[in-house]
Every structure is written in C-alpha cells, then in structure tokens.
Amino acid sequence: TMPQSVYTLPYLRSLDLSHNNGLLVRFDNIGDSVALEALDLSSTQIPSMDGLHKAAGRIQELHLSDIGGLSGKQIPMELFVMTNLRQLSLDYNNIAGSLPTELGYLSK
C-alpha cells in the first residue's frame, strides 16, 4: 500500500509509481498535495477513484493504463471533474460501454 504521507510532500510536482503491480493506491489524502501536476499509476492496483476529485484543479497529466479495478467497468465519473487535465491515459483497462458525453467537459 502506498503511504498517504506521499501526498504531503510540498514540492512534489510529479509522481510516477507505474509498473508496481502489487502496489495498492488510494486517494484519501491527495487533497494535501499542493503542487502535484502529473500522476502515473499505470500497472498498479486502484480499487476505487474515490477522493481523486480533491486534486481536480491541479492534476494536468493522469496515466491510469492497465490498472486493477477498471476491467469490465465504465470510465469513472471522478475523472470528469479534472478541470486542468491535459493528458489522460486509460489504455489496457478493458473498459466497458461507450464513451460518456461528460468526456466533452474536459476542455483543456
């Protein structure tokens, strides 16, 4: 499990924990990250996107390729409040359904 204290590092702008297949990631304290702009959690285990919205105004790059927890599900609605998001990677997730109209709300 990734320690939530990582989010309290005041100058952390980019966090890459990709390809740690057994790493469990939660977003409970992500609102404490005041400078975080890029997050790569590809090939990790994310059981829920709950809490991710707390960093919605700061995150510009979000890489969630091949994460546990999305297979057979639709794109999580928590992603559509990411107002500064410029890059989103969701490949290799076996996402179900069609692209939601809310995808158009990501205007940057």
PDB file of N, CA and C in Angstrom:
ATOM      1  N   THR A   1       0.840  -1.193   0.000  1.00  0.00           N
ATOM      2  CA  THR A   1       0.000   0.000   0.000  1.00  0.00           C
ATOM      3  C   THR A   1       0.877   1.245   0.000  1.00  0.00           C
ATOM      4  N   MET A   2       0.538   2.181  -0.863  1.00  0.00           N
ATOM      5  CA  MET A   2       1.280   3.431  -0.907  1.00  0.00           C
ATOM      6  C   MET A   2       0.937   4.266   0.323  1.00  0.00           C
ATOM      7  N   PRO A   3       1.944   4.778   1.042  1.00  0.00           N
ATOM      8  CA  PRO A   3       1.643   5.615   2.214  1.00  0.00           C
ATOM      9  C   PRO A   3       0.995   6.933   1.803  1.00  0.00           C
ATOM     10  N   GLN A   4      -0.051   7.313   2.497  1.00  0.00           N
ATOM     11  CA  GLN A   4      -0.761   8.552   2.199  1.00  0.00           C
ATOM     12  C   GLN A   4       0.089   9.786   2.458  1.00  0.00           C
ATOM     13  N   SER A   5       1.160   9.645   3.241  1.00  0.00           N
ATOM     14  CA  SER A   5       2.036  10.778   3.545  1.00  0.00           C
ATOM     15  C   SER A   5       2.764  11.289   2.301  1.00  0.00           C
ATOM     16  N   VAL A   6       2.834  10.493   1.237  1.00  0.00           N
ATOM     17  CA  VAL A   6       3.446  10.948  -0.021  1.00  0.00           C
ATOM     18  C   VAL A   6       2.761  12.217  -0.499  1.00  0.00           C
ATOM     19  N   TYR A   7       1.470  12.299  -0.289  1.00  0.00           N
ATOM     20  CA  TYR A   7       0.710  13.458  -0.762  1.00  0.00           C
ATOM     21  C   TYR A   7       1.024  14.743  -0.003  1.00  0.00           C
ATOM     22  N   THR A   8       1.722  14.657   1.115  1.00  0.00           N
ATOM     23  CA  THR A   8       2.017  15.856   1.909  1.00  0.00           C
ATOM     24  C   THR A   8       3.359  16.480   1.555  1.00  0.00           C
ATOM     25  N   LEU A   9       4.100  15.897   0.607  1.00  0.00           N
ATOM     26  CA  LEU A   9       5.379  16.478   0.188  1.00  0.00           C
ATOM     27  C   LEU A   9       5.096  17.789  -0.552  1.00  0.00           C
ATOM     28  N   PRO A  10       5.509  18.920   0.003  1.00  0.00           N
ATOM     29  CA  PRO A  10       5.067  20.216  -0.515  1.00  0.00           C
ATOM     30  C   PRO A  10       5.557  20.588  -1.915  1.00  0.00           C
ATOM     31  N   TYR A  11       6.665  20.015  -2.367  1.00  0.00           N
ATOM     32  CA  TYR A  11       7.216  20.388  -3.673  1.00  0.00           C
ATOM     33  C   TYR A  11       7.059  19.285  -4.706  1.00  0.00           C
ATOM     34  N   LEU A  12       6.308  18.264  -4.384  1.00  0.00           N
ATOM     35  CA  LEU A  12       6.117  17.134  -5.296  1.00  0.00           C
ATOM     36  C   LEU A  12       5.222  17.557  -6.463  1.00  0.00           C
ATOM     37  N   ARG A  13       5.798  17.626  -7.661  1.00  0.00           N
ATOM     38  CA  ARG A  13       5.051  18.026  -8.855  1.00  0.00           C
ATOM     39  C   ARG A  13       4.664  16.835  -9.709  1.00  0.00           C
ATOM     40  N   SER A  14       5.490  15.775  -9.661  1.00  0.00           N
ATOM     41  CA  SER A  14       5.242  14.600 -10.481  1.00  0.00           C
ATOM     42  C   SER A  14       5.483  13.350  -9.647  1.00  0.00           C
ATOM     43  N   LEU A  15       4.562  12.405  -9.752  1.00  0.00           N
ATOM     44  CA  LEU A  15       4.680  11.143  -9.013  1.00  0.00           C
ATOM     45  C   LEU A  15       4.466   9.996  -9.995  1.00  0.00           C
ATOM     46  N   ASP A  16       5.494   9.175 -10.155  1.00  0.00           N
ATOM     47  CA  ASP A  16       5.435   8.027 -11.063  1.00  0.00           C
ATOM     48  C   ASP A  16       5.650   6.761 -10.254  1.00  0.00           C
ATOM     49  N   LEU A  17       4.592   6.019 -10.053  1.00  0.00           N
ATOM     50  CA  LEU A  17       4.647   4.740  -9.340  1.00  0.00           C
ATOM     51  C   LEU A  17       4.265   3.602 -10.272  1.00  0.00           C
ATOM     52  N   SER A  18       4.376   3.848 -11.552  1.00  0.00           N
ATOM     53  CA  SER A  18       3.930   2.869 -12.544  1.00  0.00           C
ATOM     54  C   SER A  18       4.730   1.564 -12.457  1.00  0.00           C
ATOM     55  N   HIS A  19       4.063   0.512 -12.911  1.00  0.00           N
ATOM     56  CA  HIS A  19       4.640  -0.832 -13.013  1.00  0.00           C
ATOM     57  C   HIS A  19       5.023  -1.432 -11.665  1.00  0.00           C
ATOM     58  N   ASN A  20       4.320  -1.051 -10.627  1.00  0.00           N
ATOM     59  CA  ASN A  20       4.413  -1.692  -9.326  1.00  0.00           C
ATOM     60  C   ASN A  20       3.124  -2.484  -9.160  1.00  0.00           C
ATOM     61  N   ASN A  21       3.070  -3.625  -9.835  1.00  0.00           N
ATOM     62  CA  ASN A  21       1.826  -4.387  -9.983  1.00  0.00           C
ATOM     63  C   ASN A  21       1.095  -4.673  -8.686  1.00  0.00           C
ATOM     64  N   GLY A  22       1.783  -4.881  -7.614  1.00  0.00           N
ATOM     65  CA  GLY A  22       1.123  -5.191  -6.356  1.00  0.00           C
ATOM     66  C   GLY A  22       0.812  -3.983  -5.500  1.00  0.00           C
ATOM     67  N   LEU A  23       1.185  -2.800  -5.956  1.00  0.00           N
ATOM     68  CA  LEU A  23       1.008  -1.589  -5.159  1.00  0.00           C
ATOM     69  C   LEU A  23      -0.460  -1.165  -5.130  1.00  0.00           C
ATOM     70  N   LEU A  24      -1.012  -1.046  -3.950  1.00  0.00           N
ATOM     71  CA  LEU A  24      -2.383  -0.599  -3.753  1.00  0.00           C
ATOM     72  C   LEU A  24      -2.368   0.911  -3.535  1.00  0.00           C
ATOM     73  N   VAL A  25      -3.118   1.651  -4.353  1.00  0.00           N
ATOM     74  CA  VAL A  25      -3.125   3.113  -4.295  1.00  0.00           C
ATOM     75  C   VAL A  25      -4.521   3.612  -3.940  1.00  0.00           C
ATOM     76  N   ARG A  26      -4.569   4.508  -2.982  1.00  0.00           N
ATOM     77  CA  ARG A  26      -5.819   5.171  -2.593  1.00  0.00           C
ATOM     78  C   ARG A  26      -5.605   6.685  -2.680  1.00  0.00           C
ATOM     79  N   PHE A  27      -6.711   7.426  -2.732  1.00  0.00           N
ATOM     80  CA  PHE A  27      -6.639   8.875  -2.913  1.00  0.00           C
ATOM     81  C   PHE A  27      -7.198   9.648  -1.724  1.00  0.00           C
ATOM     82  N   ASP A  28      -7.275   9.029  -0.561  1.00  0.00           N
ATOM     83  CA  ASP A  28      -7.875   9.669   0.615  1.00  0.00           C
ATOM     84  C   ASP A  28      -7.270  11.040   0.919  1.00  0.00           C
ATOM     85  N   ASN A  29      -5.948  11.167   0.861  1.00  0.00           N
ATOM     86  CA  ASN A  29      -5.276  12.410   1.242  1.00  0.00           C
ATOM     87  C   ASN A  29      -4.674  13.168   0.062  1.00  0.00           C
ATOM     88  N   ILE A  30      -5.090  12.875  -1.143  1.00  0.00           N
ATOM     89  CA  ILE A  30      -4.494  13.540  -2.304  1.00  0.00           C
ATOM     90  C   ILE A  30      -4.756  15.048  -2.306  1.00  0.00           C
ATOM     91  N   GLY A  31      -5.760  15.487  -1.599  1.00  0.00           N
ATOM     92  CA  GLY A  31      -6.034  16.918  -1.489  1.00  0.00           C
ATOM     93  C   GLY A  31      -4.934  17.673  -0.770  1.00  0.00           C
ATOM     94  N   ASP A  32      -4.074  16.954  -0.027  1.00  0.00           N
ATOM     95  CA  ASP A  32      -2.949  17.578   0.677  1.00  0.00           C
ATOM     96  C   ASP A  32      -1.795  17.916  -0.263  1.00  0.00           C
ATOM     97  N   SER A  33      -1.817  17.399  -1.471  1.00  0.00           N
ATOM     98  CA  SER A  33      -0.721  17.638  -2.420  1.00  0.00           C
ATOM     99  C   SER A  33      -0.959  18.966  -3.125  1.00  0.00           C
ATOM    100  N   VAL A  34      -0.225  19.961  -2.722  1.00  0.00           N
ATOM    101  CA  VAL A  34      -0.469  21.316  -3.219  1.00  0.00           C
ATOM    102  C   VAL A  34       0.197  21.604  -4.557  1.00  0.00           C
ATOM    103  N   ALA A  35       1.186  20.801  -4.962  1.00  0.00           N
ATOM    104  CA  ALA A  35       1.921  21.086  -6.197  1.00  0.00           C
ATOM    105  C   ALA A  35       1.805  19.975  -7.238  1.00  0.00           C
ATOM    106  N   LEU A  36       1.156  18.880  -6.920  1.00  0.00           N
ATOM    107  CA  LEU A  36       1.112  17.716  -7.804  1.00  0.00           C
ATOM    108  C   LEU A  36       0.380  18.023  -9.109  1.00  0.00           C
ATOM    109  N   GLU A  37       1.093  17.846 -10.230  1.00  0.00           N
ATOM    110  CA  GLU A  37       0.533  18.113 -11.552  1.00  0.00           C
ATOM    111  C   GLU A  37       0.471  16.873 -12.431  1.00  0.00           C
ATOM    112  N   ALA A  38       1.362  15.911 -12.195  1.00  0.00           N
ATOM    113  CA  ALA A  38       1.422  14.708 -13.036  1.00  0.00           C
ATOM    114  C   ALA A  38       1.436  13.468 -12.155  1.00  0.00           C
ATOM    115  N   LEU A  39       0.608  12.516 -12.512  1.00  0.00           N
ATOM    116  CA  LEU A  39       0.463  11.294 -11.725  1.00  0.00           C
ATOM    117  C   LEU A  39       0.408  10.103 -12.661  1.00  0.00           C
ATOM    118  N   ASP A  40       1.354   9.190 -12.514  1.00  0.00           N
ATOM    119  CA  ASP A  40       1.377   7.973 -13.325  1.00  0.00           C
ATOM    120  C   ASP A  40       1.255   6.770 -12.407  1.00  0.00           C
ATOM    121  N   LEU A  41       0.099   6.151 -12.465  1.00  0.00           N
ATOM    122  CA  LEU A  41      -0.188   4.972 -11.641  1.00  0.00           C
ATOM    123  C   LEU A  41      -0.470   3.763 -12.509  1.00  0.00           C
ATOM    124  N   SER A  42       0.052   3.769 -13.718  1.00  0.00           N
ATOM    125  CA  SER A  42      -0.149   2.653 -14.638  1.00  0.00           C
ATOM    126  C   SER A  42       0.404   1.367 -14.036  1.00  0.00           C
ATOM    127  N   SER A  43      -0.320   0.283 -14.271  1.00  0.00           N
ATOM    128  CA  SER A  43       0.072  -1.050 -13.796  1.00  0.00           C
ATOM    129  C   SER A  43       0.205  -1.116 -12.280  1.00  0.00           C
ATOM    130  N   THR A  44      -0.728  -0.473 -11.575  1.00  0.00           N
ATOM    131  CA  THR A  44      -0.843  -0.598 -10.123  1.00  0.00           C
ATOM    132  C   THR A  44      -2.259  -1.075  -9.814  1.00  0.00           C
ATOM    133  N   GLN A  45      -2.595  -1.180  -8.558  1.00  0.00           N
ATOM    134  CA  GLN A  45      -3.932  -1.604  -8.142  1.00  0.00           C
ATOM    135  C   GLN A  45      -4.679  -0.416  -7.540  1.00  0.00           C
ATOM    136  N   ILE A  46      -5.753  -0.011  -8.176  1.00  0.00           N
ATOM    137  CA  ILE A  46      -6.579   1.100  -7.691  1.00  0.00           C
ATOM    138  C   ILE A  46      -8.003   0.577  -7.552  1.00  0.00           C
ATOM    139  N   PRO A  47      -8.422   0.237  -6.344  1.00  0.00           N
ATOM    140  CA  PRO A  47      -9.755  -0.333  -6.173  1.00  0.00           C
ATOM    141  C   PRO A  47     -10.886   0.685  -6.362  1.00  0.00           C
ATOM    142  N   SER A  48     -10.584   1.966  -6.187  1.00  0.00           N
ATOM    143  CA  SER A  48     -11.615   2.996  -6.276  1.00  0.00           C
ATOM    144  C   SER A  48     -10.970   4.339  -6.610  1.00  0.00           C
ATOM    145  N   MET A  49     -11.700   5.171  -7.319  1.00  0.00           N
ATOM    146  CA  MET A  49     -11.240   6.521  -7.641  1.00  0.00           C
ATOM    147  C   MET A  49     -11.729   7.535  -6.602  1.00  0.00           C
ATOM    148  N   ASP A  50     -12.383   7.062  -5.555  1.00  0.00           N
ATOM    149  CA  ASP A  50     -12.882   7.953  -4.507  1.00  0.00           C
ATOM    150  C   ASP A  50     -11.759   8.833  -3.968  1.00  0.00           C
ATOM    151  N   GLY A  51     -11.999  10.108  -3.889  1.00  0.00           N
ATOM    152  CA  GLY A  51     -11.038  11.060  -3.362  1.00  0.00           C
ATOM    153  C   GLY A  51     -10.216  11.755  -4.428  1.00  0.00           C
ATOM    154  N   LEU A  52     -10.137  11.192  -5.623  1.00  0.00           N
ATOM    155  CA  LEU A  52      -9.332  11.781  -6.685  1.00  0.00           C
ATOM    156  C   LEU A  52      -9.789  13.203  -7.015  1.00  0.00           C
ATOM    157  N   HIS A  53     -11.061  13.473  -6.864  1.00  0.00           N
ATOM    158  CA  HIS A  53     -11.605  14.805  -7.155  1.00  0.00           C
ATOM    159  C   HIS A  53     -10.980  15.901  -6.292  1.00  0.00           C
ATOM    160  N   LYS A  54     -10.363  15.533  -5.168  1.00  0.00           N
ATOM    161  CA  LYS A  54      -9.746  16.531  -4.279  1.00  0.00           C
ATOM    162  C   LYS A  54      -8.532  17.196  -4.918  1.00  0.00           C
ATOM    163  N   ALA A  55      -7.992  16.604  -5.968  1.00  0.00           N
ATOM    164  CA  ALA A  55      -6.853  17.187  -6.689  1.00  0.00           C
ATOM    165  C   ALA A  55      -7.259  17.625  -8.093  1.00  0.00           C
ATOM    166  N   ALA A  56      -8.543  17.746  -8.321  1.00  0.00           N
ATOM    167  CA  ALA A  56      -9.066  18.016  -9.671  1.00  0.00           C
ATOM    168  C   ALA A  56      -8.521  19.286 -10.294  1.00  0.00           C
ATOM    169  N   GLY A  57      -8.315  20.328  -9.538  1.00  0.00           N
ATOM    170  CA  GLY A  57      -7.853  21.596 -10.095  1.00  0.00           C
ATOM    171  C   GLY A  57      -6.364  21.657 -10.378  1.00  0.00           C
ATOM    172  N   ARG A  58      -5.610  20.656  -9.926  1.00  0.00           N
ATOM    173  CA  ARG A  58      -4.152  20.689 -10.077  1.00  0.00           C
ATOM    174  C   ARG A  58      -3.613  19.673 -11.073  1.00  0.00           C
ATOM    175  N   ILE A  59      -4.178  18.493 -11.115  1.00  0.00           N
ATOM    176  CA  ILE A  59      -3.642  17.424 -11.953  1.00  0.00           C
ATOM    177  C   ILE A  59      -3.800  17.780 -13.433  1.00  0.00           C
ATOM    178  N   GLN A  60      -2.692  17.763 -14.175  1.00  0.00           N
ATOM    179  CA  GLN A  60      -2.712  18.040 -15.608  1.00  0.00           C
ATOM    180  C   GLN A  60      -2.476  16.784 -16.434  1.00  0.00           C
ATOM    181  N   GLU A  61      -1.711  15.845 -15.891  1.00  0.00           N
ATOM    182  CA  GLU A  61      -1.440  14.576 -16.568  1.00  0.00           C
ATOM    183  C   GLU A  61      -1.819  13.436 -15.637  1.00  0.00           C
ATOM    184  N   LEU A  62      -2.604  12.508 -16.163  1.00  0.00           N
ATOM    185  CA  LEU A  62      -3.039  11.370 -15.371  1.00  0.00           C
ATOM    186  C   LEU A  62      -2.922  10.109 -16.219  1.00  0.00           C
ATOM    187  N   HIS A  63      -2.069   9.211 -15.785  1.00  0.00           N
ATOM    188  CA  HIS A  63      -1.827   7.969 -16.507  1.00  0.00           C
ATOM    189  C   HIS A  63      -2.343   6.811 -15.654  1.00  0.00           C
ATOM    190  N   LEU A  64      -3.389   6.175 -16.147  1.00  0.00           N
ATOM    191  CA  LEU A  64      -4.025   5.066 -15.433  1.00  0.00           C
ATOM    192  C   LEU A  64      -4.134   3.845 -16.342  1.00  0.00           C
ATOM    193  N   SER A  65      -3.105   3.583 -17.107  1.00  0.00           N
ATOM    194  CA  SER A  65      -3.102   2.438 -18.019  1.00  0.00           C
ATOM    195  C   SER A  65      -2.924   1.144 -17.237  1.00  0.00           C
ATOM    196  N   ASP A  66      -3.695   0.128 -17.622  1.00  0.00           N
ATOM    197  CA  ASP A  66      -3.535  -1.210 -17.058  1.00  0.00           C
ATOM    198  C   ASP A  66      -3.594  -1.230 -15.532  1.00  0.00           C
ATOM    199  N   ILE A  67      -4.618  -0.596 -14.976  1.00  0.00           N
ATOM    200  CA  ILE A  67      -4.765  -0.612 -13.518  1.00  0.00           C
ATOM    201  C   ILE A  67      -5.800  -1.648 -13.107  1.00  0.00           C
ATOM    202  N   GLY A  68      -5.629  -2.238 -11.971  1.00  0.00           N
ATOM    203  CA  GLY A  68      -6.634  -3.153 -11.453  1.00  0.00           C
ATOM    204  C   GLY A  68      -7.841  -2.363 -10.990  1.00  0.00           C
ATOM    205  N   GLY A  69      -9.003  -2.873 -11.199  1.00  0.00           N
ATOM    206  CA  GLY A  69     -10.213  -2.221 -10.718  1.00  0.00           C
ATOM    207  C   GLY A  69     -11.078  -1.598 -11.797  1.00  0.00           C
ATOM    208  N   LEU A  70     -10.599  -1.460 -13.023  1.00  0.00           N
ATOM    209  CA  LEU A  70     -11.413  -0.866 -14.091  1.00  0.00           C
ATOM    210  C   LEU A  70     -11.930  -1.890 -15.093  1.00  0.00           C
ATOM    211  N   SER A  71     -11.376  -3.059 -15.121  1.00  0.00           N
ATOM    212  CA  SER A  71     -11.747  -4.060 -16.114  1.00  0.00           C
ATOM    213  C   SER A  71     -13.238  -4.377 -16.064  1.00  0.00           C
ATOM    214  N   GLY A  72     -13.888  -4.231 -17.218  1.00  0.00           N
ATOM    215  CA  GLY A  72     -15.314  -4.503 -17.317  1.00  0.00           C
ATOM    216  C   GLY A  72     -16.213  -3.397 -16.792  1.00  0.00           C
ATOM    217  N   LYS A  73     -15.637  -2.274 -16.373  1.00  0.00           N
ATOM    218  CA  LYS A  73     -16.412  -1.150 -15.839  1.00  0.00           C
ATOM    219  C   LYS A  73     -16.359   0.027 -16.807  1.00  0.00           C
ATOM    220  N   GLN A  74     -17.215   1.017 -16.564  1.00  0.00           N
ATOM    221  CA  GLN A  74     -17.192   2.237 -17.362  1.00  0.00           C
ATOM    222  C   GLN A  74     -16.126   3.186 -16.822  1.00  0.00           C
ATOM    223  N   ILE A  75     -15.796   4.204 -17.606  1.00  0.00           N
ATOM    224  CA  ILE A  75     -14.835   5.209 -17.163  1.00  0.00           C
ATOM    225  C   ILE A  75     -15.399   5.884 -15.910  1.00  0.00           C
ATOM    226  N   PRO A  76     -14.612   5.940 -14.835  1.00  0.00           N
ATOM    227  CA  PRO A  76     -15.114   6.526 -13.572  1.00  0.00           C
ATOM    228  C   PRO A  76     -15.485   7.999 -13.727  1.00  0.00           C
ATOM    229  N   MET A  77     -16.618   8.378 -13.182  1.00  0.00           N
ATOM    230  CA  MET A  77     -17.100   9.755 -13.266  1.00  0.00           C
ATOM    231  C   MET A  77     -16.168  10.741 -12.556  1.00  0.00           C
ATOM    232  N   GLU A  78     -15.384  10.270 -11.604  1.00  0.00           N
ATOM    233  CA  GLU A  78     -14.447  11.139 -10.889  1.00  0.00           C
ATOM    234  C   GLU A  78     -13.448  11.800 -11.833  1.00  0.00           C
ATOM    235  N   LEU A  79     -13.212  11.195 -12.973  1.00  0.00           N
ATOM    236  CA  LEU A  79     -12.255  11.766 -13.927  1.00  0.00           C
ATOM    237  C   LEU A  79     -12.798  13.001 -14.636  1.00  0.00           C
ATOM    238  N   PHE A  80     -14.106  13.168 -14.662  1.00  0.00           N
ATOM    239  CA  PHE A  80     -14.699  14.257 -15.429  1.00  0.00           C
ATOM    240  C   PHE A  80     -14.782  15.572 -14.671  1.00  0.00           C
ATOM    241  N   VAL A  81     -14.252  15.614 -13.451  1.00  0.00           N
ATOM    242  CA  VAL A  81     -14.161  16.877 -12.713  1.00  0.00           C
ATOM    243  C   VAL A  81     -12.732  17.397 -12.708  1.00  0.00           C
ATOM    244  N   MET A  82     -11.862  16.760 -13.463  1.00  0.00           N
ATOM    245  CA  MET A  82     -10.453  17.144 -13.536  1.00  0.00           C
ATOM    246  C   MET A  82     -10.329  18.331 -14.497  1.00  0.00           C
ATOM    247  N   THR A  83     -10.560  19.524 -14.005  1.00  0.00           N
ATOM    248  CA  THR A  83     -10.698  20.711 -14.846  1.00  0.00           C
ATOM    249  C   THR A  83      -9.418  21.146 -15.557  1.00  0.00           C
ATOM    250  N   ASN A  84      -8.252  20.780 -15.056  1.00  0.00           N
ATOM    251  CA  ASN A  84      -6.994  21.168 -15.702  1.00  0.00           C
ATOM    252  C   ASN A  84      -6.330  20.010 -16.429  1.00  0.00           C
ATOM    253  N   LEU A  85      -7.027  18.904 -16.568  1.00  0.00           N
ATOM    254  CA  LEU A  85      -6.458  17.725 -17.195  1.00  0.00           C
ATOM    255  C   LEU A  85      -6.158  17.978 -18.668  1.00  0.00           C
ATOM    256  N   ARG A  86      -4.908  17.726 -19.055  1.00  0.00           N
ATOM    257  CA  ARG A  86      -4.477  17.892 -20.444  1.00  0.00           C
ATOM    258  C   ARG A  86      -4.147  16.561 -21.094  1.00  0.00           C
ATOM    259  N   GLN A  87      -3.799  15.576 -20.273  1.00  0.00           N
ATOM    260  CA  GLN A  87      -3.452  14.262 -20.807  1.00  0.00           C
ATOM    261  C   GLN A  87      -4.041  13.184 -19.896  1.00  0.00           C
ATOM    262  N   LEU A  88      -4.773  12.262 -20.506  1.00  0.00           N
ATOM    263  CA  LEU A  88      -5.390  11.161 -19.782  1.00  0.00           C
ATOM    264  C   LEU A  88      -5.104   9.869 -20.532  1.00  0.00           C
ATOM    265  N   SER A  89      -4.504   8.904 -19.858  1.00  0.00           N
ATOM    266  CA  SER A  89      -4.215   7.599 -20.455  1.00  0.00           C
ATOM    267  C   SER A  89      -4.994   6.529 -19.708  1.00  0.00           C
ATOM    268  N   LEU A  90      -5.829   5.815 -20.439  1.00  0.00           N
ATOM    269  CA  LEU A  90      -6.639   4.746 -19.859  1.00  0.00           C
ATOM    270  C   LEU A  90      -6.496   3.440 -20.643  1.00  0.00           C
ATOM    271  N   ASP A  91      -5.437   3.306 -21.422  1.00  0.00           N
ATOM    272  CA  ASP A  91      -5.292   2.133 -22.270  1.00  0.00           C
ATOM    273  C   ASP A  91      -5.035   0.863 -21.442  1.00  0.00           C
ATOM    274  N   TYR A  92      -5.360  -0.267 -22.047  1.00  0.00           N
ATOM    275  CA  TYR A  92      -5.198  -1.609 -21.456  1.00  0.00           C
ATOM    276  C   TYR A  92      -6.017  -1.797 -20.177  1.00  0.00           C
ATOM    277  N   ASN A  93      -7.235  -1.268 -20.157  1.00  0.00           N
ATOM    278  CA  ASN A  93      -8.093  -1.413 -18.993  1.00  0.00           C
ATOM    279  C   ASN A  93      -9.353  -2.234 -19.256  1.00  0.00           C
ATOM    280  N   ASN A  94      -9.602  -2.607 -20.495  1.00  0.00           N
ATOM    281  CA  ASN A  94     -10.794  -3.383 -20.823  1.00  0.00           C
ATOM    282  C   ASN A  94     -12.055  -2.693 -20.299  1.00  0.00           C
ATOM    283  N   ILE A  95     -12.152  -1.393 -20.562  1.00  0.00           N
ATOM    284  CA  ILE A  95     -13.291  -0.587 -20.109  1.00  0.00           C
ATOM    285  C   ILE A  95     -14.529  -0.976 -20.888  1.00  0.00           C
ATOM    286  N   ALA A  96     -15.654  -1.062 -20.197  1.00  0.00           N
ATOM    287  CA  ALA A  96     -16.924  -1.469 -20.807  1.00  0.00           C
ATOM    288  C   ALA A  96     -17.749  -0.242 -21.206  1.00  0.00           C
ATOM    289  N   GLY A  97     -18.652  -0.448 -22.145  1.00  0.00           N
ATOM    290  CA  GLY A  97     -19.593   0.596 -22.530  1.00  0.00           C
ATOM    291  C   GLY A  97     -18.998   1.579 -23.516  1.00  0.00           C
ATOM    292  N   SER A  98     -19.776   2.624 -23.781  1.00  0.00           N
ATOM    293  CA  SER A  98     -19.344   3.650 -24.718  1.00  0.00           C
ATOM    294  C   SER A  98     -18.748   4.834 -23.954  1.00  0.00           C
ATOM    295  N   LEU A  99     -18.122   5.728 -24.706  1.00  0.00           N
ATOM    296  CA  LEU A  99     -17.564   6.924 -24.076  1.00  0.00           C
ATOM    297  C   LEU A  99     -18.707   7.832 -23.618  1.00  0.00           C
ATOM    298  N   PRO A 100     -18.695   8.249 -22.373  1.00  0.00           N
ATOM    299  CA  PRO A 100     -19.766   9.117 -21.875  1.00  0.00           C
ATOM    300  C   PRO A 100     -19.671  10.530 -22.442  1.00  0.00           C
ATOM    301  N   THR A 101     -20.798  11.208 -22.541  1.00  0.00           N
ATOM    302  CA  THR A 101     -20.816  12.578 -23.054  1.00  0.00           C
ATOM    303  C   THR A 101     -20.030  13.522 -22.149  1.00  0.00           C
ATOM    304  N   GLU A 102     -19.871  13.173 -20.883  1.00  0.00           N
ATOM    305  CA  GLU A 102     -19.121  14.010 -19.947  1.00  0.00           C
ATOM    306  C   GLU A 102     -17.660  14.182 -20.360  1.00  0.00           C
ATOM    307  N   LEU A 103     -17.181  13.328 -21.241  1.00  0.00           N
ATOM    308  CA  LEU A 103     -15.817  13.441 -21.737  1.00  0.00           C
ATOM    309  C   LEU A 103     -15.606  14.805 -22.384  1.00  0.00           C
ATOM    310  N   GLY A 104     -16.639  15.371 -22.945  1.00  0.00           N
ATOM    311  CA  GLY A 104     -16.568  16.685 -23.564  1.00  0.00           C
ATOM    312  C   GLY A 104     -16.392  17.817 -22.570  1.00  0.00           C
ATOM    313  N   TYR A 105     -16.601  17.572 -21.274  1.00  0.00           N
ATOM    314  CA  TYR A 105     -16.414  18.594 -20.260  1.00  0.00           C
ATOM    315  C   TYR A 105     -14.943  18.861 -19.985  1.00  0.00           C
ATOM    316  N   LEU A 106     -14.080  17.964 -20.416  1.00  0.00           N
ATOM    317  CA  LEU A 106     -12.644  18.141 -20.239  1.00  0.00           C
ATOM    318  C   LEU A 106     -12.152  19.047 -21.355  1.00  0.00           C
ATOM    319  N   SER A 107     -12.141  20.333 -21.105  1.00  0.00           N
ATOM    320  CA  SER A 107     -11.975  21.305 -22.176  1.00  0.00           C
ATOM    321  C   SER A 107     -10.542  21.733 -22.463  1.00  0.00           C
ATOM    322  N   LYS A 108      -9.558  21.302 -21.724  1.00  0.00           N
ATOM    323  CA  LYS A 108      -8.183  21.768 -21.963  1.00  0.00           C
ATOM    324  C   LYS A 108      -7.450  20.899 -22.927  1.00  0.00           C
TER     325      LYS A 108
END
